[in-house]
Amino acid sequence: MSIKDRDPYDIFGSWLEEATAVELNNPNAMTLATAGKDGLPSARMVLLKGFDASGFVFYTNLDSLKGHQLAENPNAALLFHWKTLNRQIRIEGPVEQVSDEEADAYFASRARASQLGAWASHQSHLLEGMAELEKRVAIYAAKFHVGTVPRPDFWSGFRVSARRFEFWQEGKFRLHKRFVFTPPDSSGQQWQVQQLFP
């Protein structure tokens, strides 16, 4: 079956599965590109924590730069690049915050040290030195020394709903294969697929 005949979420899942088998570190790493109301782009690496037909989920501090930018402009682009497989996938679309229940469930699954780190870090804000961060970790470790560490209200997740996929496979002599998937129009039930020049 050719790539044109497949659902983009199925292709993504199979490519991620293959990457997981061969990439040494964080095969779920993705570049997240955002822009605030000023229109200036900003990009960083984050980890994909789940995906299905409703979108691609990552978690962060809502008071971070990306959190502020997504509040101002709830659209984003994702890029997965697997050097070992000579493949990349681009995904673009609108973004919405996950439900409190979903964020609570994921936060509860994290290692306790990571939970404490979420409380301790003023992500994207100035830090005078590692001693300041270590002190804050110690404060929250003492505060939550017994029992469950609750999710901070400033920490949650975002879901990027795909409005465009691009699958790229390296080819010989730079004759790469590129396929773009866009959602079905009002008359159809299948994703629209086009091949691009490399």
C-alpha atoms as a PDB file:
ATOM      1  CA  MET A   1       0.000   0.000   0.000  1.00  0.00           C
ATOM      2  CA  SER A   2       1.407   3.390  -0.963  1.00  0.00           C
ATOM      3  CA  ILE A   3       1.611   6.310   1.435  1.00  0.00           C
ATOM      4  CA  LYS A   4      -1.159   8.032  -0.542  1.00  0.00           C
ATOM      5  CA  ASP A   5      -3.657   5.328   0.409  1.00  0.00           C
ATOM      6  CA  ARG A   6      -3.105   5.501   4.162  1.00  0.00           C
ATOM      7  CA  ASP A   7      -4.442   7.542   7.054  1.00  0.00           C
ATOM      8  CA  PRO A   8      -1.827  10.083   8.241  1.00  0.00           C
ATOM      9  CA  TYR A   9      -2.277   9.061  11.883  1.00  0.00           C
ATOM     10  CA  ASP A  10      -1.546   5.446  10.957  1.00  0.00           C
ATOM     11  CA  ILE A  11       1.562   6.490   9.046  1.00  0.00           C
ATOM     12  CA  PHE A  12       2.687   8.636  11.968  1.00  0.00           C
ATOM     13  CA  GLY A  13       2.179   5.753  14.390  1.00  0.00           C
ATOM     14  CA  SER A  14       4.170   3.304  12.267  1.00  0.00           C
ATOM     15  CA  TRP A  15       7.014   5.783  11.708  1.00  0.00           C
ATOM     16  CA  LEU A  16       7.151   6.583  15.437  1.00  0.00           C
ATOM     17  CA  GLU A  17       7.215   2.861  16.228  1.00  0.00           C
ATOM     18  CA  GLU A  18      10.116   2.345  13.834  1.00  0.00           C
ATOM     19  CA  ALA A  19      11.940   5.354  15.301  1.00  0.00           C
ATOM     20  CA  THR A  20      11.439   4.017  18.819  1.00  0.00           C
ATOM     21  CA  ALA A  21      13.255   0.834  17.808  1.00  0.00           C
ATOM     22  CA  VAL A  22      16.344   2.578  16.421  1.00  0.00           C
ATOM     23  CA  GLU A  23      16.720   6.073  17.907  1.00  0.00           C
ATOM     24  CA  LEU A  24      18.953   6.079  20.991  1.00  0.00           C
ATOM     25  CA  ASN A  25      17.437   9.046  22.814  1.00  0.00           C
ATOM     26  CA  ASN A  26      13.915  10.418  22.952  1.00  0.00           C
ATOM     27  CA  PRO A  27      12.376   9.223  19.681  1.00  0.00           C
ATOM     28  CA  ASN A  28       9.288  11.174  20.824  1.00  0.00           C
ATOM     29  CA  ALA A  29      11.216  14.484  20.791  1.00  0.00           C
ATOM     30  CA  MET A  30       9.697  17.139  18.569  1.00  0.00           C
ATOM     31  CA  THR A  31      10.379  20.747  17.730  1.00  0.00           C
ATOM     32  CA  LEU A  32       7.487  22.949  18.843  1.00  0.00           C
ATOM     33  CA  ALA A  33       7.210  26.278  17.006  1.00  0.00           C
ATOM     34  CA  THR A  34       4.940  29.009  18.361  1.00  0.00           C
ATOM     35  CA  ALA A  35       4.425  32.736  17.926  1.00  0.00           C
ATOM     36  CA  GLY A  36       2.822  35.280  20.221  1.00  0.00           C
ATOM     37  CA  LYS A  37       0.765  38.315  19.311  1.00  0.00           C
ATOM     38  CA  ASP A  38       3.912  40.048  18.020  1.00  0.00           C
ATOM     39  CA  GLY A  39       4.195  37.357  15.345  1.00  0.00           C
ATOM     40  CA  LEU A  40       7.821  36.543  16.167  1.00  0.00           C
ATOM     41  CA  PRO A  41       8.458  32.775  15.943  1.00  0.00           C
ATOM     42  CA  SER A  42      10.022  30.757  18.733  1.00  0.00           C
ATOM     43  CA  ALA A  43      11.034  27.088  18.637  1.00  0.00           C
ATOM     44  CA  ARG A  44      12.208  24.522  21.187  1.00  0.00           C
ATOM     45  CA  MET A  45      12.297  20.769  21.730  1.00  0.00           C
ATOM     46  CA  VAL A  46       9.536  19.119  23.771  1.00  0.00           C
ATOM     47  CA  LEU A  47       8.404  15.519  24.219  1.00  0.00           C
ATOM     48  CA  LEU A  48       5.282  14.033  22.687  1.00  0.00           C
ATOM     49  CA  LYS A  49       3.289  12.394  25.490  1.00  0.00           C
ATOM     50  CA  GLY A  50       0.382  11.000  23.525  1.00  0.00           C
ATOM     51  CA  PHE A  51      -1.478  11.198  20.243  1.00  0.00           C
ATOM     52  CA  ASP A  52      -4.687  10.057  18.624  1.00  0.00           C
ATOM     53  CA  ALA A  53      -7.069  11.397  16.013  1.00  0.00           C
ATOM     54  CA  SER A  54      -7.818  14.392  18.261  1.00  0.00           C
ATOM     55  CA  GLY A  55      -4.202  15.587  18.239  1.00  0.00           C
ATOM     56  CA  PHE A  56      -0.681  15.521  19.647  1.00  0.00           C
ATOM     57  CA  VAL A  57      -0.135  16.232  23.352  1.00  0.00           C
ATOM     58  CA  PHE A  58       2.763  17.749  25.294  1.00  0.00           C
ATOM     59  CA  TYR A  59       2.986  19.214  28.805  1.00  0.00           C
ATOM     60  CA  THR A  60       4.580  22.364  30.163  1.00  0.00           C
ATOM     61  CA  ASN A  61       4.533  25.223  32.632  1.00  0.00           C
ATOM     62  CA  LEU A  62       1.764  27.591  31.532  1.00  0.00           C
ATOM     63  CA  ASP A  63       3.887  30.557  32.668  1.00  0.00           C
ATOM     64  CA  SER A  64       6.686  29.623  30.237  1.00  0.00           C
ATOM     65  CA  LEU A  65       7.316  31.514  27.013  1.00  0.00           C
ATOM     66  CA  LYS A  66       5.502  28.856  24.987  1.00  0.00           C
ATOM     67  CA  GLY A  67       2.604  28.930  27.431  1.00  0.00           C
ATOM     68  CA  HIS A  68       2.229  32.691  27.012  1.00  0.00           C
ATOM     69  CA  GLN A  69       2.586  32.521  23.244  1.00  0.00           C
ATOM     70  CA  LEU A  70      -0.038  29.792  22.934  1.00  0.00           C
ATOM     71  CA  ALA A  71      -2.416  31.839  25.098  1.00  0.00           C
ATOM     72  CA  GLU A  72      -1.953  34.778  22.684  1.00  0.00           C
ATOM     73  CA  ASN A  73      -1.935  32.745  19.476  1.00  0.00           C
ATOM     74  CA  PRO A  74      -3.285  29.185  19.846  1.00  0.00           C
ATOM     75  CA  ASN A  75      -1.606  27.742  16.764  1.00  0.00           C
ATOM     76  CA  ALA A  76       1.592  25.729  16.476  1.00  0.00           C
ATOM     77  CA  ALA A  77       3.827  23.667  14.235  1.00  0.00           C
ATOM     78  CA  LEU A  78       5.549  20.417  15.199  1.00  0.00           C
ATOM     79  CA  LEU A  79       8.559  18.775  13.589  1.00  0.00           C
ATOM     80  CA  PHE A  80       9.755  15.225  14.170  1.00  0.00           C
ATOM     81  CA  HIS A  81      13.171  14.434  12.687  1.00  0.00           C
ATOM     82  CA  TRP A  82      14.608  10.935  12.871  1.00  0.00           C
ATOM     83  CA  LYS A  83      18.150  11.069  11.487  1.00  0.00           C
ATOM     84  CA  THR A  84      18.652   7.311  11.749  1.00  0.00           C
ATOM     85  CA  LEU A  85      15.673   6.696   9.453  1.00  0.00           C
ATOM     86  CA  ASN A  86      16.233   9.745   7.208  1.00  0.00           C
ATOM     87  CA  ARG A  87      12.649  10.834   7.855  1.00  0.00           C
ATOM     88  CA  GLN A  88      10.772  13.814   9.140  1.00  0.00           C
ATOM     89  CA  ILE A  89       7.147  14.714   9.767  1.00  0.00           C
ATOM     90  CA  ARG A  90       5.734  18.234   9.961  1.00  0.00           C
ATOM     91  CA  ILE A  91       2.376  18.874  11.633  1.00  0.00           C
ATOM     92  CA  GLU A  92       0.533  22.194  11.830  1.00  0.00           C
ATOM     93  CA  GLY A  93      -2.724  23.183  13.456  1.00  0.00           C
ATOM     94  CA  PRO A  94      -4.652  24.900  16.224  1.00  0.00           C
ATOM     95  CA  VAL A  95      -3.879  24.250  19.876  1.00  0.00           C
ATOM     96  CA  GLU A  96      -6.070  23.842  22.934  1.00  0.00           C
ATOM     97  CA  GLN A  97      -5.302  23.091  26.552  1.00  0.00           C
ATOM     98  CA  VAL A  98      -6.038  19.558  27.723  1.00  0.00           C
ATOM     99  CA  SER A  99      -8.691  18.958  30.383  1.00  0.00           C
ATOM    100  CA  ASP A 100      -7.785  19.154  34.067  1.00  0.00           C
ATOM    101  CA  GLU A 101      -8.555  15.443  34.349  1.00  0.00           C
ATOM    102  CA  GLU A 102      -6.132  14.565  31.563  1.00  0.00           C
ATOM    103  CA  ALA A 103      -3.414  16.801  33.012  1.00  0.00           C
ATOM    104  CA  ASP A 104      -3.954  15.354  36.502  1.00  0.00           C
ATOM    105  CA  ALA A 105      -3.651  11.806  35.202  1.00  0.00           C
ATOM    106  CA  TYR A 106      -0.422  12.490  33.343  1.00  0.00           C
ATOM    107  CA  PHE A 107       1.093  14.465  36.240  1.00  0.00           C
ATOM    108  CA  ALA A 108       0.333  11.568  38.591  1.00  0.00           C
ATOM    109  CA  SER A 109       2.240   9.205  36.270  1.00  0.00           C
ATOM    110  CA  ARG A 110       5.457  11.247  36.466  1.00  0.00           C
ATOM    111  CA  ALA A 111       8.359  10.413  38.735  1.00  0.00           C
ATOM    112  CA  ARG A 112       8.117  12.163  42.087  1.00  0.00           C
ATOM    113  CA  ALA A 113      11.323  14.119  41.394  1.00  0.00           C
ATOM    114  CA  SER A 114       9.802  15.431  38.162  1.00  0.00           C
ATOM    115  CA  GLN A 115       6.632  16.419  40.021  1.00  0.00           C
ATOM    116  CA  LEU A 116       8.685  18.377  42.546  1.00  0.00           C
ATOM    117  CA  GLY A 117      10.662  19.941  39.716  1.00  0.00           C
ATOM    118  CA  ALA A 118       7.447  21.211  38.156  1.00  0.00           C
ATOM    119  CA  TRP A 119       6.618  23.015  41.398  1.00  0.00           C
ATOM    120  CA  ALA A 120      10.134  24.370  41.869  1.00  0.00           C
ATOM    121  CA  SER A 121      10.819  25.749  38.406  1.00  0.00           C
ATOM    122  CA  HIS A 122       9.781  29.245  37.290  1.00  0.00           C
ATOM    123  CA  GLN A 123      10.225  28.012  33.718  1.00  0.00           C
ATOM    124  CA  SER A 124      11.631  30.605  31.297  1.00  0.00           C
ATOM    125  CA  HIS A 125      12.266  33.129  34.106  1.00  0.00           C
ATOM    126  CA  LEU A 126      15.693  34.342  35.218  1.00  0.00           C
ATOM    127  CA  LEU A 127      17.658  32.033  37.515  1.00  0.00           C
ATOM    128  CA  GLU A 128      20.566  33.374  39.584  1.00  0.00           C
ATOM    129  CA  GLY A 129      22.222  29.972  39.867  1.00  0.00           C
ATOM    130  CA  MET A 130      21.604  26.289  40.419  1.00  0.00           C
ATOM    131  CA  ALA A 131      21.652  26.799  44.195  1.00  0.00           C
ATOM    132  CA  GLU A 132      18.419  28.785  43.883  1.00  0.00           C
ATOM    133  CA  LEU A 133      16.721  25.960  41.980  1.00  0.00           C
ATOM    134  CA  GLU A 134      18.026  23.305  44.355  1.00  0.00           C
ATOM    135  CA  LYS A 135      16.737  25.325  47.310  1.00  0.00           C
ATOM    136  CA  ARG A 136      13.287  25.521  45.744  1.00  0.00           C
ATOM    137  CA  VAL A 137      13.275  21.769  45.088  1.00  0.00           C
ATOM    138  CA  ALA A 138      14.154  21.189  48.742  1.00  0.00           C
ATOM    139  CA  ILE A 139      11.330  23.492  49.860  1.00  0.00           C
ATOM    140  CA  TYR A 140       8.738  21.550  47.886  1.00  0.00           C
ATOM    141  CA  ALA A 141      10.221  18.210  48.854  1.00  0.00           C
ATOM    142  CA  ALA A 142       9.644  19.227  52.490  1.00  0.00           C
ATOM    143  CA  LYS A 143       6.184  20.584  51.755  1.00  0.00           C
ATOM    144  CA  PHE A 144       5.036  17.390  50.034  1.00  0.00           C
ATOM    145  CA  HIS A 145       7.203  14.944  51.996  1.00  0.00           C
ATOM    146  CA  VAL A 146       4.264  12.642  52.689  1.00  0.00           C
ATOM    147  CA  GLY A 147       1.557  11.616  50.276  1.00  0.00           C
ATOM    148  CA  THR A 148       0.649  12.674  46.783  1.00  0.00           C
ATOM    149  CA  VAL A 149       2.240  15.652  45.043  1.00  0.00           C
ATOM    150  CA  PRO A 150      -0.676  17.587  43.498  1.00  0.00           C
ATOM    151  CA  ARG A 151      -0.451  19.088  40.029  1.00  0.00           C
ATOM    152  CA  PRO A 152       0.317  22.818  40.152  1.00  0.00           C
ATOM    153  CA  ASP A 153      -2.411  24.972  38.642  1.00  0.00           C
ATOM    154  CA  PHE A 154       0.258  26.601  36.443  1.00  0.00           C
ATOM    155  CA  TRP A 155       1.224  23.264  34.844  1.00  0.00           C
ATOM    156  CA  SER A 156      -0.823  21.505  32.183  1.00  0.00           C
ATOM    157  CA  GLY A 157      -0.802  20.147  28.666  1.00  0.00           C
ATOM    158  CA  PHE A 158      -1.650  21.272  25.156  1.00  0.00           C
ATOM    159  CA  ARG A 159      -3.085  19.358  22.229  1.00  0.00           C
ATOM    160  CA  VAL A 160      -2.146  20.262  18.658  1.00  0.00           C
ATOM    161  CA  SER A 161      -4.951  19.279  16.275  1.00  0.00           C
ATOM    162  CA  ALA A 162      -3.477  18.433  12.890  1.00  0.00           C
ATOM    163  CA  ARG A 163      -4.721  20.537   9.981  1.00  0.00           C
ATOM    164  CA  ARG A 164      -1.755  19.623   7.849  1.00  0.00           C
ATOM    165  CA  PHE A 165       0.742  16.749   7.799  1.00  0.00           C
ATOM    166  CA  GLU A 166       3.868  16.550   5.680  1.00  0.00           C
ATOM    167  CA  PHE A 167       5.795  13.281   5.493  1.00  0.00           C
ATOM    168  CA  TRP A 168       9.354  13.489   4.162  1.00  0.00           C
ATOM    169  CA  GLN A 169      11.583  10.554   3.260  1.00  0.00           C
ATOM    170  CA  GLU A 170      15.137  11.133   2.094  1.00  0.00           C
ATOM    171  CA  GLY A 171      15.901   9.910  -1.409  1.00  0.00           C
ATOM    172  CA  LYS A 172      19.081   9.381  -3.403  1.00  0.00           C
ATOM    173  CA  PHE A 173      20.605  12.437  -5.095  1.00  0.00           C
ATOM    174  CA  ARG A 174      18.254  14.647  -3.024  1.00  0.00           C
ATOM    175  CA  LEU A 175      15.209  13.270  -4.865  1.00  0.00           C
ATOM    176  CA  HIS A 176      13.235  13.146  -1.634  1.00  0.00           C
ATOM    177  CA  LYS A 177       9.644  11.997  -1.285  1.00  0.00           C
ATOM    178  CA  ARG A 178       7.233  14.566   0.202  1.00  0.00           C
ATOM    179  CA  PHE A 179       3.527  13.998   0.755  1.00  0.00           C
ATOM    180  CA  VAL A 180       1.133  16.559   2.228  1.00  0.00           C
ATOM    181  CA  PHE A 181      -2.126  15.531   3.879  1.00  0.00           C
ATOM    182  CA  THR A 182      -4.912  18.045   4.483  1.00  0.00           C
ATOM    183  CA  PRO A 183      -8.273  17.260   6.118  1.00  0.00           C
ATOM    184  CA  PRO A 184     -11.268  16.074   4.117  1.00  0.00           C
ATOM    185  CA  ASP A 185     -13.413  18.752   2.560  1.00  0.00           C
ATOM    186  CA  SER A 186     -17.149  18.922   3.169  1.00  0.00           C
ATOM    187  CA  SER A 187     -17.853  16.368   0.435  1.00  0.00           C
ATOM    188  CA  GLY A 188     -15.424  13.639   1.459  1.00  0.00           C
ATOM    189  CA  GLN A 189     -14.348  11.383   4.285  1.00  0.00           C
ATOM    190  CA  GLN A 190     -10.708  10.902   3.297  1.00  0.00           C
ATOM    191  CA  TRP A 191      -7.680  13.097   3.817  1.00  0.00           C
ATOM    192  CA  GLN A 192      -6.577  14.935   0.693  1.00  0.00           C
ATOM    193  CA  VAL A 193      -3.052  13.898  -0.381  1.00  0.00           C
ATOM    194  CA  GLN A 194      -0.619  15.692  -2.666  1.00  0.00           C
ATOM    195  CA  GLN A 195       2.986  14.963  -3.527  1.00  0.00           C
ATOM    196  CA  LEU A 196       5.448  17.873  -3.575  1.00  0.00           C
ATOM    197  CA  PHE A 197       8.667  18.436  -5.419  1.00  0.00           C
ATOM    198  CA  PRO A 198      11.598  17.856  -3.050  1.00  0.00           C
END
